[in-house]
Amino acid sequence: MALADAGIRRLLVDSGQPRGWVSPRTDLVTALLGVWFGVGLMIDAWAHTNLTELETFFTPWHAVFYSGFAVVSGWILWQVWRNVRDGRQGLAAVPTGYLAGLVAIPAFAAFGFADMMWHTILGIETSLDILFSPSHLGLIVTMLLIITTPLRSVWNAPDVGARPTLGRLLPALIGLAFATTLVSLFLSYGDAMQYRSARIVEAFSSVDDPGADRLALAMVITNVVVLSPVLLLARRWVLPFGSVTVMYTIAVLMPGAQTEFQNVPVLVSFVVAGLVSDLLIRWLRPSGERRGAYWAFAGLSAFATWTLYIGISSVAAGGLPAVPELWTGAPVIAGLIGLALGALFLPNAVAATGAIDAGRA
């Protein structure tokens, strides 16, 4: 036992070498295994939303979810172990960008055990309470750290310049997009993507309908949730065409799973909005150095997204909402909020070398 403890202590003592980066292919595998993890959560979210007779922790969807955790965690641990075999120890053995995910692995396992005990003792949540369970909140925070590992790895990778290709940036896009789905899941009570087209038109057809207030608020919340990750990346890089489309396509999967994809026109509107945002990026070329273009993109992207949201929903429902102030003003408010987010993310133009340094963890 003493010999084993001594070996562990030697392993944890930093050997002093500079931390390196994994290959782009390794980041892509990390991201794809994170997809397994994320889709497992979507299946579990579907089950909790639509199967009210849940009575046990041990379910097929939990099996998919936790097996996803196992494979992506095993892959991250393997990257560390490969460096240990090469003589690195301590932090020197952890690839750049992988430390936070590594630390989150045992924390996620601990919250998973706590979740099992919570369900065993207190039962299975099937309503709003699922989004406030302490064990679930612990799982979601640690999961977010794990699946955004490729983003932190790519952030300052030496082979990624100011204008990366879509293929090189894809692992970061996948990781951040799935992180966005986690946030939208735990803000489901304010998720405008879960509305059906007919309900959107109905809510904005009467100022006396309390649903109008709830929809307007949900649009504000969802606007911030889906646009903020895009603005983060647009400050760091000149995004290649297709980036926002990829992110928004992934982002609609969680509300789609929760509603059993009965709101397809609404989900399609976000995918189309991603394409429009990519066209805006090509036209405006927003970046950390071009503050005016960045602000314009933030406002116009949000305005376009919610114009499409109402427009496509109205087509699907067979008519526009009856209150013009609501359906014309809501996209304008969204655009102003987007502009405010742009100013918040980039209050001052930054030099090309002054990008946020967030990728060493």
Protein backbone atom coordinates (compact mmCIF):
# COMPACT_ATOMS: atom_id res chain seq x y z
CA MET A 1 0.00 0.00 0.00
CA ALA A 2 2.81 2.39 0.89
CA LEU A 3 4.52 1.57 -2.40
CA ALA A 4 1.33 2.38 -4.32
CA ASP A 5 0.90 5.68 -2.46
CA ALA A 6 4.47 6.61 -3.26
CA GLY A 7 3.88 5.82 -6.93
CA ILE A 8 0.76 8.01 -7.01
CA ARG A 9 2.63 10.88 -5.35
CA ARG A 10 5.42 10.62 -7.92
CA LEU A 11 2.86 10.60 -10.71
CA LEU A 12 1.21 13.78 -9.41
CA VAL A 13 4.47 15.71 -9.05
CA ASP A 14 4.81 17.91 -12.12
CA SER A 15 7.77 16.93 -14.29
CA GLY A 16 8.14 20.46 -15.60
CA GLN A 17 7.71 20.03 -19.36
CA PRO A 18 5.49 22.53 -21.18
CA ARG A 19 2.01 21.18 -21.77
CA GLY A 20 1.33 20.26 -25.37
CA TRP A 21 -1.70 20.00 -27.63
CA VAL A 22 -3.41 16.93 -28.95
CA SER A 23 -3.83 16.45 -32.70
CA PRO A 24 -6.87 17.84 -34.56
CA ARG A 25 -8.01 14.25 -35.08
CA THR A 26 -7.93 13.62 -31.33
CA ASP A 27 -10.02 16.73 -30.70
CA LEU A 28 -12.52 15.52 -33.29
CA VAL A 29 -12.80 12.11 -31.60
CA THR A 30 -13.31 13.87 -28.25
CA ALA A 31 -16.10 15.94 -29.79
CA LEU A 32 -17.77 12.94 -31.45
CA LEU A 33 -17.71 10.92 -28.24
CA GLY A 34 -19.22 13.97 -26.59
CA VAL A 35 -22.05 13.67 -29.13
CA TRP A 36 -22.81 10.22 -27.69
CA PHE A 37 -22.84 11.79 -24.24
CA GLY A 38 -25.06 14.68 -25.36
CA VAL A 39 -27.51 12.55 -27.32
CA GLY A 40 -27.82 10.29 -24.27
CA LEU A 41 -28.93 13.31 -22.28
CA MET A 42 -31.43 14.25 -24.98
CA ILE A 43 -32.95 10.78 -24.84
CA ASP A 44 -33.13 11.03 -21.06
CA ALA A 45 -34.73 14.48 -21.31
CA TRP A 46 -37.31 13.06 -23.72
CA ALA A 47 -38.10 10.25 -21.30
CA HIS A 48 -38.49 12.55 -18.29
CA THR A 49 -40.74 14.90 -20.31
CA ASN A 50 -42.94 12.33 -22.02
CA LEU A 51 -42.94 9.20 -19.82
CA THR A 52 -44.67 10.12 -16.58
CA GLU A 53 -44.55 6.54 -15.24
CA LEU A 54 -40.79 6.55 -14.62
CA GLU A 55 -40.08 4.81 -11.33
CA THR A 56 -36.43 3.76 -11.38
CA PHE A 57 -32.96 5.15 -11.96
CA PHE A 58 -31.97 2.10 -14.03
CA THR A 59 -33.44 2.82 -17.46
CA PRO A 60 -32.26 2.29 -21.06
CA TRP A 61 -31.86 6.05 -21.58
CA HIS A 62 -29.73 6.36 -18.45
CA ALA A 63 -27.63 3.53 -19.89
CA VAL A 64 -27.05 5.52 -23.09
CA PHE A 65 -26.30 8.68 -21.12
CA TYR A 66 -23.84 7.15 -18.65
CA SER A 67 -22.17 4.98 -21.28
CA GLY A 68 -21.54 8.20 -23.21
CA PHE A 69 -19.90 9.62 -20.11
CA ALA A 70 -17.79 6.46 -19.78
CA VAL A 71 -16.46 6.52 -23.34
CA VAL A 72 -15.62 10.23 -23.50
CA SER A 73 -14.04 10.09 -20.03
CA GLY A 74 -12.03 7.03 -20.97
CA TRP A 75 -10.79 8.82 -24.06
CA ILE A 76 -9.71 11.91 -22.08
CA LEU A 77 -7.95 9.73 -19.50
CA TRP A 78 -6.21 7.86 -22.30
CA GLN A 79 -4.75 11.13 -23.66
CA VAL A 80 -3.28 11.83 -20.23
CA TRP A 81 -2.00 8.28 -19.81
CA ARG A 82 -0.22 8.40 -23.18
CA ASN A 83 1.78 11.38 -21.92
CA VAL A 84 2.50 9.61 -18.64
CA ARG A 85 3.95 6.69 -20.58
CA ASP A 86 6.22 9.17 -22.36
CA GLY A 87 7.63 10.32 -19.02
CA ARG A 88 5.46 13.31 -18.22
CA GLN A 89 3.97 13.72 -14.74
CA GLY A 90 1.45 16.01 -13.06
CA LEU A 91 0.09 18.89 -15.13
CA ALA A 92 2.73 18.27 -17.78
CA ALA A 93 0.87 15.07 -18.68
CA VAL A 94 -2.45 16.85 -19.28
CA PRO A 95 -2.89 18.22 -22.83
CA THR A 96 -3.73 21.90 -23.11
CA GLY A 97 -7.48 22.38 -22.87
CA TYR A 98 -8.09 19.02 -21.22
CA LEU A 99 -7.51 19.85 -17.55
CA ALA A 100 -11.03 21.14 -16.73
CA GLY A 101 -12.59 18.11 -18.41
CA LEU A 102 -10.24 15.79 -16.53
CA VAL A 103 -11.14 17.33 -13.18
CA ALA A 104 -14.83 17.16 -14.05
CA ILE A 105 -14.76 13.39 -14.61
CA PRO A 106 -14.65 12.29 -10.94
CA ALA A 107 -16.99 15.14 -10.03
CA PHE A 108 -19.55 13.96 -12.59
CA ALA A 109 -19.26 10.40 -11.26
CA ALA A 110 -19.89 11.66 -7.73
CA PHE A 111 -22.96 13.63 -8.82
CA GLY A 112 -24.15 10.57 -10.76
CA PHE A 113 -24.01 8.50 -7.57
CA ALA A 114 -25.79 11.29 -5.70
CA ASP A 115 -28.45 11.34 -8.42
CA MET A 116 -29.00 7.60 -8.08
CA MET A 117 -29.41 7.94 -4.30
CA TRP A 118 -31.70 10.96 -4.76
CA HIS A 119 -33.99 9.01 -7.11
CA THR A 120 -33.90 5.93 -4.90
CA ILE A 121 -34.90 7.86 -1.79
CA LEU A 122 -37.05 10.70 -3.14
CA GLY A 123 -38.33 9.27 -6.43
CA ILE A 124 -38.14 10.30 -10.10
CA GLU A 125 -38.88 13.87 -11.15
CA THR A 126 -41.12 14.25 -14.20
CA SER A 127 -41.99 17.95 -14.18
CA LEU A 128 -40.42 21.36 -13.53
CA ASP A 129 -38.69 20.00 -10.43
CA ILE A 130 -36.28 18.01 -12.62
CA LEU A 131 -34.61 21.28 -13.63
CA PHE A 132 -33.91 22.29 -10.02
CA SER A 133 -32.62 19.01 -8.58
CA PRO A 134 -29.19 19.67 -6.97
CA SER A 135 -27.79 16.40 -8.30
CA HIS A 136 -28.97 17.26 -11.82
CA LEU A 137 -27.41 20.72 -11.60
CA GLY A 138 -24.12 19.15 -10.54
CA LEU A 139 -24.30 16.71 -13.45
CA ILE A 140 -25.02 19.43 -15.96
CA VAL A 141 -22.17 21.71 -14.84
CA THR A 142 -19.58 18.93 -14.87
CA MET A 143 -20.94 17.58 -18.17
CA LEU A 144 -20.57 21.03 -19.68
CA LEU A 145 -16.91 21.10 -18.68
CA ILE A 146 -16.33 17.68 -20.25
CA ILE A 147 -18.02 18.28 -23.60
CA THR A 148 -16.41 21.71 -24.12
CA THR A 149 -12.94 20.15 -23.88
CA PRO A 150 -12.41 20.42 -27.68
CA LEU A 151 -13.28 24.14 -27.56
CA ARG A 152 -10.61 24.83 -24.94
CA SER A 153 -8.13 22.69 -26.84
CA VAL A 154 -8.69 24.48 -30.15
CA TRP A 155 -8.85 27.96 -28.58
CA ASN A 156 -5.11 28.63 -28.60
CA ALA A 157 -3.85 25.67 -30.62
CA PRO A 158 -0.75 26.74 -32.60
CA ASP A 159 -2.14 25.46 -35.92
CA VAL A 160 -5.37 27.47 -35.66
CA GLY A 161 -5.00 30.98 -36.99
CA ALA A 162 -7.44 33.88 -37.08
CA ARG A 163 -9.28 32.32 -40.05
CA PRO A 164 -9.66 28.57 -39.34
CA THR A 165 -11.30 26.19 -41.77
CA LEU A 166 -14.65 24.67 -40.91
CA GLY A 167 -13.06 21.24 -40.56
CA ARG A 168 -10.45 22.45 -38.05
CA LEU A 169 -13.01 24.38 -36.04
CA LEU A 170 -15.63 21.61 -36.12
CA PRO A 171 -14.66 19.96 -32.78
CA ALA A 172 -15.00 23.32 -31.01
CA LEU A 173 -18.33 24.02 -32.74
CA ILE A 174 -19.74 20.64 -31.74
CA GLY A 175 -18.61 20.98 -28.12
CA LEU A 176 -19.94 24.51 -27.69
CA ALA A 177 -23.21 23.71 -29.48
CA PHE A 178 -23.90 20.76 -27.18
CA ALA A 179 -23.07 22.99 -24.21
CA THR A 180 -25.74 25.36 -25.52
CA THR A 181 -28.25 22.50 -25.53
CA LEU A 182 -27.46 21.86 -21.86
CA VAL A 183 -28.25 25.46 -20.99
CA SER A 184 -31.46 25.41 -23.03
CA LEU A 185 -32.51 22.18 -21.30
CA PHE A 186 -32.23 23.69 -17.84
CA LEU A 187 -34.02 26.82 -19.00
CA SER A 188 -36.79 24.81 -20.66
CA TYR A 189 -39.43 26.87 -18.87
CA GLY A 190 -38.21 29.83 -20.97
CA ASP A 191 -37.35 28.07 -24.24
CA ALA A 192 -39.07 29.61 -27.27
CA MET A 193 -37.87 26.73 -29.44
CA GLN A 194 -40.36 24.42 -27.71
CA TYR A 195 -43.38 26.38 -28.93
CA ARG A 196 -45.50 25.06 -31.78
CA SER A 197 -46.32 27.31 -34.71
CA ALA A 198 -50.04 27.52 -33.94
CA ARG A 199 -49.35 28.49 -30.33
CA ILE A 200 -46.96 31.26 -31.40
CA VAL A 201 -49.59 32.78 -33.67
CA GLU A 202 -52.28 32.35 -31.03
CA ALA A 203 -50.18 33.94 -28.27
CA PHE A 204 -49.37 37.03 -30.34
CA SER A 205 -52.97 37.42 -31.49
CA SER A 206 -54.25 38.92 -28.23
CA VAL A 207 -52.73 41.31 -25.72
CA ASP A 208 -55.01 39.75 -23.10
CA ASP A 209 -53.59 36.26 -23.60
CA PRO A 210 -51.09 35.61 -20.76
CA GLY A 211 -49.25 33.42 -23.24
CA ALA A 212 -48.12 36.57 -25.07
CA ASP A 213 -46.09 37.63 -22.04
CA ARG A 214 -44.58 34.17 -21.64
CA LEU A 215 -43.69 33.87 -25.33
CA ALA A 216 -42.11 37.33 -25.42
CA LEU A 217 -40.02 36.47 -22.35
CA ALA A 218 -39.06 33.08 -23.79
CA MET A 219 -37.88 34.77 -26.98
CA VAL A 220 -35.63 37.07 -24.96
CA ILE A 221 -34.13 34.17 -22.97
CA THR A 222 -33.63 31.96 -26.01
CA ASN A 223 -32.15 34.84 -27.98
CA VAL A 224 -29.43 35.26 -25.36
CA VAL A 225 -28.80 31.51 -25.03
CA VAL A 226 -28.32 30.78 -28.74
CA LEU A 227 -26.58 34.00 -29.79
CA SER A 228 -24.02 34.32 -26.98
CA PRO A 229 -21.93 31.27 -28.01
CA VAL A 230 -21.80 32.55 -31.59
CA LEU A 231 -20.61 35.96 -30.44
CA LEU A 232 -17.95 34.34 -28.28
CA LEU A 233 -16.54 32.51 -31.29
CA ALA A 234 -16.94 35.49 -33.62
CA ARG A 235 -14.79 37.57 -31.28
CA ARG A 236 -12.08 34.91 -31.28
CA TRP A 237 -12.06 33.97 -34.99
CA VAL A 238 -13.36 35.03 -38.37
CA LEU A 239 -15.83 32.17 -38.54
CA PRO A 240 -15.81 29.98 -41.65
CA PHE A 241 -19.01 29.66 -43.63
CA GLY A 242 -21.30 27.03 -42.11
CA SER A 243 -20.23 27.54 -38.49
CA VAL A 244 -23.49 29.04 -37.23
CA THR A 245 -25.56 26.59 -39.27
CA VAL A 246 -23.76 23.70 -37.59
CA MET A 247 -24.30 25.20 -34.15
CA TYR A 248 -27.97 26.02 -34.63
CA THR A 249 -28.68 22.60 -36.16
CA ILE A 250 -27.30 20.96 -33.03
CA ALA A 251 -29.03 23.49 -30.77
CA VAL A 252 -32.52 22.52 -32.01
CA LEU A 253 -32.03 18.84 -31.14
CA MET A 254 -32.72 19.26 -27.42
CA PRO A 255 -36.05 21.12 -27.73
CA GLY A 256 -36.90 18.75 -30.56
CA ALA A 257 -36.35 15.74 -28.32
CA GLN A 258 -38.36 17.29 -25.51
CA THR A 259 -41.34 17.98 -27.78
CA GLU A 260 -41.01 14.73 -29.77
CA PHE A 261 -40.28 16.92 -32.83
CA GLN A 262 -43.87 18.10 -33.04
CA ASN A 263 -42.64 21.68 -33.63
CA VAL A 264 -40.55 21.04 -36.76
CA PRO A 265 -41.35 24.39 -38.50
CA VAL A 266 -40.01 26.28 -35.49
CA LEU A 267 -36.86 24.16 -35.40
CA VAL A 268 -36.36 24.61 -39.13
CA SER A 269 -36.56 28.38 -38.68
CA PHE A 270 -33.46 28.24 -36.46
CA VAL A 271 -31.52 26.15 -38.96
CA VAL A 272 -32.39 28.66 -41.67
CA ALA A 273 -31.40 31.46 -39.28
CA GLY A 274 -28.01 29.79 -38.88
CA LEU A 275 -27.54 29.88 -42.64
CA VAL A 276 -28.57 33.55 -42.78
CA SER A 277 -26.12 34.31 -39.97
CA ASP A 278 -23.35 32.60 -41.93
CA LEU A 279 -24.20 34.80 -44.91
CA LEU A 280 -24.05 37.86 -42.65
CA ILE A 281 -20.61 36.79 -41.45
CA ARG A 282 -19.42 36.45 -45.03
CA TRP A 283 -20.79 39.89 -45.83
CA LEU A 284 -19.83 41.83 -42.69
CA ARG A 285 -16.65 39.93 -41.68
CA PRO A 286 -17.14 40.57 -37.93
CA SER A 287 -14.12 40.06 -35.69
CA GLY A 288 -12.49 41.36 -32.54
CA GLU A 289 -10.70 43.99 -34.61
CA ARG A 290 -13.82 45.14 -36.49
CA ARG A 291 -16.09 46.31 -33.69
CA GLY A 292 -18.65 48.00 -35.91
CA ALA A 293 -19.05 44.91 -38.09
CA TYR A 294 -19.25 42.76 -34.95
CA TRP A 295 -22.01 44.88 -33.45
CA ALA A 296 -23.89 44.95 -36.75
CA PHE A 297 -23.68 41.19 -37.05
CA ALA A 298 -24.95 40.70 -33.47
CA GLY A 299 -28.01 42.89 -34.05
CA LEU A 300 -28.83 41.70 -37.57
CA SER A 301 -28.35 38.01 -36.74
CA ALA A 302 -30.78 38.25 -33.83
CA PHE A 303 -33.28 40.27 -35.89
CA ALA A 304 -33.14 37.74 -38.75
CA THR A 305 -33.47 34.75 -36.41
CA TRP A 306 -36.67 35.94 -34.79
CA THR A 307 -38.14 37.34 -37.99
CA LEU A 308 -37.76 33.84 -39.45
CA TYR A 309 -39.16 32.34 -36.24
CA ILE A 310 -42.39 34.32 -36.53
CA GLY A 311 -42.53 34.21 -40.33
CA ILE A 312 -42.10 30.44 -40.75
CA SER A 313 -44.43 29.77 -37.81
CA SER A 314 -47.09 31.98 -39.41
CA VAL A 315 -46.78 30.15 -42.71
CA ALA A 316 -47.09 26.79 -40.93
CA ALA A 317 -50.06 27.99 -38.89
CA GLY A 318 -51.83 29.52 -41.88
CA GLY A 319 -51.74 33.20 -40.96
CA LEU A 320 -50.00 36.02 -39.14
CA PRO A 321 -50.74 36.86 -35.49
CA ALA A 322 -53.57 39.34 -35.07
CA VAL A 323 -51.62 41.97 -33.09
CA PRO A 324 -49.13 43.60 -35.51
CA GLU A 325 -47.26 45.41 -32.74
CA LEU A 326 -46.31 42.08 -31.20
CA TRP A 327 -45.13 40.21 -34.29
CA THR A 328 -43.35 43.21 -35.82
CA GLY A 329 -41.85 44.51 -32.59
CA ALA A 330 -40.55 41.22 -31.16
CA PRO A 331 -37.80 40.79 -33.79
CA VAL A 332 -36.78 44.44 -33.32
CA ILE A 333 -36.42 43.86 -29.56
CA ALA A 334 -34.39 40.74 -30.33
CA GLY A 335 -32.13 42.76 -32.62
CA LEU A 336 -31.61 45.42 -29.95
CA ILE A 337 -30.75 42.73 -27.41
CA GLY A 338 -28.33 41.23 -29.92
CA LEU A 339 -26.72 44.64 -30.37
CA ALA A 340 -26.42 45.00 -26.59
CA LEU A 341 -24.81 41.57 -26.37
CA GLY A 342 -22.37 42.57 -29.09
CA ALA A 343 -21.39 45.67 -27.12
CA LEU A 344 -21.05 43.58 -23.97
CA PHE A 345 -18.83 40.98 -25.64
CA LEU A 346 -16.75 43.58 -27.49
CA PRO A 347 -16.90 46.99 -25.81
CA ASN A 348 -13.59 47.93 -27.45
CA ALA A 349 -11.90 46.61 -30.56
CA VAL A 350 -9.06 44.21 -29.80
CA ALA A 351 -5.85 43.55 -31.69
CA ALA A 352 -5.42 40.21 -33.45
CA THR A 353 -3.04 39.08 -30.72
CA GLY A 354 -5.34 40.18 -27.92
CA ALA A 355 -7.86 37.39 -28.04
CA ILE A 356 -9.27 36.07 -24.81
CA ASP A 357 -6.85 33.56 -23.32
CA ALA A 358 -9.17 30.80 -22.14
CA GLY A 359 -7.67 27.68 -23.65
CA ARG A 360 -4.96 26.57 -21.26
CA ALA A 361 -7.20 24.73 -18.78
